[in-house]
Amino acid sequence: MFGQILSSVTGLATSWLDSKAQQKLLETEIKKKQLTGEIDWELEAIRSAQNSWKDELCAIDYAAALVV
């Protein structure tokens, strides 16, 4: 009985440590990609803002509905 509880607790601790290690690996991978320029957030924001008429269209529709 005690052995089963102990093995369950150690299994839980092991999986928790493994998930923390995996999370750190992913964070370092993202930081590495940001430093090398693979992820350039500013450039991506500029690209998405070029065709942002749909936001203005929604605002105009909402304003028109208020006027009518």
N, C-alpha and C. Protein backbone atom coordinates (compact mmCIF):
# COMPACT_ATOMS: atom_id res chain seq x y z
N MET A 1 0.82 -1.20 0.00
CA MET A 1 0.00 0.00 0.00
C MET A 1 0.86 1.26 0.00
N PHE A 2 1.82 1.30 0.94
CA PHE A 2 2.71 2.44 1.02
C PHE A 2 3.58 2.57 -0.23
N GLY A 3 3.96 1.42 -0.78
CA GLY A 3 4.76 1.42 -2.00
C GLY A 3 4.01 2.00 -3.18
N GLN A 4 2.73 1.71 -3.28
CA GLN A 4 1.91 2.25 -4.37
C GLN A 4 1.76 3.76 -4.26
N ILE A 5 1.56 4.24 -3.05
CA ILE A 5 1.43 5.69 -2.84
C ILE A 5 2.74 6.37 -3.18
N LEU A 6 3.84 5.79 -2.72
CA LEU A 6 5.15 6.37 -2.99
C LEU A 6 5.46 6.40 -4.48
N SER A 7 5.13 5.33 -5.18
CA SER A 7 5.38 5.29 -6.63
C SER A 7 4.49 6.29 -7.37
N SER A 8 3.26 6.47 -6.90
CA SER A 8 2.37 7.45 -7.52
C SER A 8 2.90 8.87 -7.32
N VAL A 9 3.38 9.16 -6.12
CA VAL A 9 3.90 10.50 -5.83
C VAL A 9 5.17 10.76 -6.64
N THR A 10 6.04 9.78 -6.74
CA THR A 10 7.27 9.98 -7.52
C THR A 10 6.95 10.10 -9.00
N GLY A 11 5.95 9.36 -9.48
CA GLY A 11 5.54 9.49 -10.88
C GLY A 11 4.97 10.87 -11.16
N LEU A 12 4.20 11.39 -10.23
CA LEU A 12 3.64 12.73 -10.38
C LEU A 12 4.74 13.78 -10.39
N ALA A 13 5.70 13.65 -9.48
CA ALA A 13 6.82 14.60 -9.42
C ALA A 13 7.66 14.53 -10.69
N THR A 14 7.88 13.34 -11.19
CA THR A 14 8.67 13.17 -12.41
C THR A 14 7.98 13.81 -13.61
N SER A 15 6.68 13.59 -13.73
CA SER A 15 5.96 14.19 -14.86
C SER A 15 5.91 15.71 -14.73
N TRP A 16 5.82 16.23 -13.52
CA TRP A 16 5.81 17.68 -13.31
C TRP A 16 7.16 18.27 -13.71
N LEU A 17 8.25 17.61 -13.30
CA LEU A 17 9.58 18.08 -13.67
C LEU A 17 9.81 18.01 -15.18
N ASP A 18 9.32 16.95 -15.80
CA ASP A 18 9.45 16.82 -17.25
C ASP A 18 8.69 17.93 -17.98
N SER A 19 7.50 18.26 -17.48
CA SER A 19 6.72 19.32 -18.14
C SER A 19 7.40 20.67 -17.96
N LYS A 20 8.00 20.92 -16.80
CA LYS A 20 8.72 22.18 -16.58
C LYS A 20 9.94 22.25 -17.50
N ALA A 21 10.64 21.16 -17.67
CA ALA A 21 11.80 21.15 -18.56
C ALA A 21 11.37 21.39 -20.00
N GLN A 22 10.27 20.79 -20.41
CA GLN A 22 9.76 20.98 -21.76
C GLN A 22 9.34 22.43 -21.97
N GLN A 23 8.74 23.04 -20.98
CA GLN A 23 8.33 24.44 -21.07
C GLN A 23 9.54 25.35 -21.21
N LYS A 24 10.59 25.09 -20.46
CA LYS A 24 11.82 25.88 -20.57
C LYS A 24 12.44 25.73 -21.95
N LEU A 25 12.43 24.52 -22.49
CA LEU A 25 12.97 24.30 -23.83
C LEU A 25 12.19 25.10 -24.87
N LEU A 26 10.89 25.11 -24.75
CA LEU A 26 10.08 25.87 -25.70
C LEU A 26 10.32 27.36 -25.57
N GLU A 27 10.47 27.85 -24.35
CA GLU A 27 10.74 29.28 -24.15
C GLU A 27 12.08 29.67 -24.75
N THR A 28 13.09 28.85 -24.56
CA THR A 28 14.40 29.16 -25.13
C THR A 28 14.38 29.07 -26.66
N GLU A 29 13.59 28.15 -27.19
CA GLU A 29 13.45 28.05 -28.65
C GLU A 29 12.81 29.31 -29.22
N ILE A 30 11.79 29.81 -28.56
CA ILE A 30 11.13 31.04 -29.03
C ILE A 30 12.09 32.21 -28.94
N LYS A 31 12.81 32.33 -27.84
CA LYS A 31 13.76 33.43 -27.69
C LYS A 31 14.86 33.36 -28.75
N LYS A 32 15.30 32.14 -29.05
CA LYS A 32 16.33 31.98 -30.07
C LYS A 32 15.81 32.41 -31.44
N LYS A 33 14.57 32.05 -31.75
CA LYS A 33 13.99 32.45 -33.02
C LYS A 33 13.79 33.96 -33.09
N GLN A 34 13.45 34.58 -31.96
CA GLN A 34 13.30 36.03 -31.95
C GLN A 34 14.65 36.70 -32.17
N LEU A 35 15.69 36.18 -31.57
CA LEU A 35 17.01 36.77 -31.72
C LEU A 35 17.56 36.60 -33.13
N THR A 36 17.26 35.48 -33.76
CA THR A 36 17.76 35.26 -35.11
C THR A 36 16.90 35.93 -36.16
N GLY A 37 15.76 36.45 -35.76
CA GLY A 37 14.91 37.17 -36.70
C GLY A 37 13.87 36.33 -37.39
N GLU A 38 13.76 35.08 -37.00
CA GLU A 38 12.74 34.24 -37.62
C GLU A 38 11.34 34.71 -37.21
N ILE A 39 11.24 35.24 -36.02
CA ILE A 39 9.97 35.80 -35.56
C ILE A 39 10.18 37.29 -35.43
N ASP A 40 9.68 38.02 -36.36
CA ASP A 40 9.81 39.46 -36.34
C ASP A 40 8.41 40.04 -36.17
N TRP A 41 8.06 40.34 -34.93
CA TRP A 41 6.70 40.74 -34.60
C TRP A 41 6.33 42.08 -35.23
N GLU A 42 7.25 42.99 -35.30
CA GLU A 42 6.93 44.30 -35.87
C GLU A 42 6.60 44.19 -37.35
N LEU A 43 7.38 43.42 -38.07
CA LEU A 43 7.12 43.22 -39.50
C LEU A 43 5.78 42.55 -39.71
N GLU A 44 5.46 41.58 -38.90
CA GLU A 44 4.17 40.89 -39.01
C GLU A 44 3.02 41.84 -38.70
N ALA A 45 3.19 42.72 -37.73
CA ALA A 45 2.14 43.69 -37.41
C ALA A 45 1.92 44.66 -38.56
N ILE A 46 2.99 45.07 -39.19
CA ILE A 46 2.87 45.98 -40.34
C ILE A 46 2.14 45.29 -41.48
N ARG A 47 2.47 44.05 -41.73
CA ARG A 47 1.81 43.31 -42.81
C ARG A 47 0.31 43.16 -42.55
N SER A 48 -0.05 42.86 -41.32
CA SER A 48 -1.47 42.68 -41.02
C SER A 48 -2.22 43.99 -40.99
N ALA A 49 -1.55 45.09 -40.70
CA ALA A 49 -2.22 46.39 -40.65
C ALA A 49 -2.45 46.97 -42.03
N GLN A 50 -1.80 46.47 -43.04
CA GLN A 50 -1.97 47.00 -44.38
C GLN A 50 -3.39 46.80 -44.89
N ASN A 51 -4.02 45.73 -44.51
CA ASN A 51 -5.37 45.43 -44.98
C ASN A 51 -6.36 45.45 -43.83
N SER A 52 -6.35 46.51 -43.05
CA SER A 52 -7.20 46.56 -41.87
C SER A 52 -8.48 47.35 -42.09
N TRP A 53 -8.98 47.37 -43.32
CA TRP A 53 -10.21 48.09 -43.60
C TRP A 53 -11.42 47.47 -42.95
N LYS A 54 -11.35 46.20 -42.64
CA LYS A 54 -12.52 45.56 -42.05
C LYS A 54 -12.85 46.14 -40.68
N ASP A 55 -11.85 46.57 -39.91
CA ASP A 55 -12.12 47.21 -38.62
C ASP A 55 -12.83 48.54 -38.82
N GLU A 56 -12.36 49.32 -39.78
CA GLU A 56 -12.99 50.61 -40.06
C GLU A 56 -14.41 50.41 -40.60
N LEU A 57 -14.60 49.40 -41.41
CA LEU A 57 -15.92 49.10 -41.95
C LEU A 57 -16.90 48.74 -40.84
N CYS A 58 -16.45 47.97 -39.88
CA CYS A 58 -17.30 47.62 -38.74
C CYS A 58 -17.66 48.87 -37.94
N ALA A 59 -16.72 49.76 -37.76
CA ALA A 59 -17.00 51.00 -37.03
C ALA A 59 -17.99 51.87 -37.78
N ILE A 60 -17.86 51.96 -39.09
CA ILE A 60 -18.78 52.75 -39.90
C ILE A 60 -20.18 52.13 -39.86
N ASP A 61 -20.27 50.80 -39.94
CA ASP A 61 -21.57 50.13 -39.87
C ASP A 61 -22.24 50.39 -38.52
N TYR A 62 -21.46 50.32 -37.47
CA TYR A 62 -22.01 50.56 -36.13
C TYR A 62 -22.49 52.00 -36.00
N ALA A 63 -21.72 52.96 -36.50
CA ALA A 63 -22.11 54.37 -36.44
C ALA A 63 -23.35 54.62 -37.28
N ALA A 64 -23.44 53.99 -38.44
CA ALA A 64 -24.60 54.16 -39.30
C ALA A 64 -25.86 53.59 -38.63
N ALA A 65 -25.71 52.49 -37.94
CA ALA A 65 -26.85 51.91 -37.24
C ALA A 65 -27.31 52.82 -36.12
N LEU A 66 -26.43 53.51 -35.47
CA LEU A 66 -26.80 54.43 -34.40
C LEU A 66 -27.53 55.65 -34.96
N VAL A 67 -27.13 56.10 -36.14
CA VAL A 67 -27.74 57.28 -36.75
C VAL A 67 -29.16 56.95 -37.22
N VAL A 68 -29.33 55.77 -37.77
CA VAL A 68 -30.63 55.38 -38.29
C VAL A 68 -31.49 54.97 -37.14
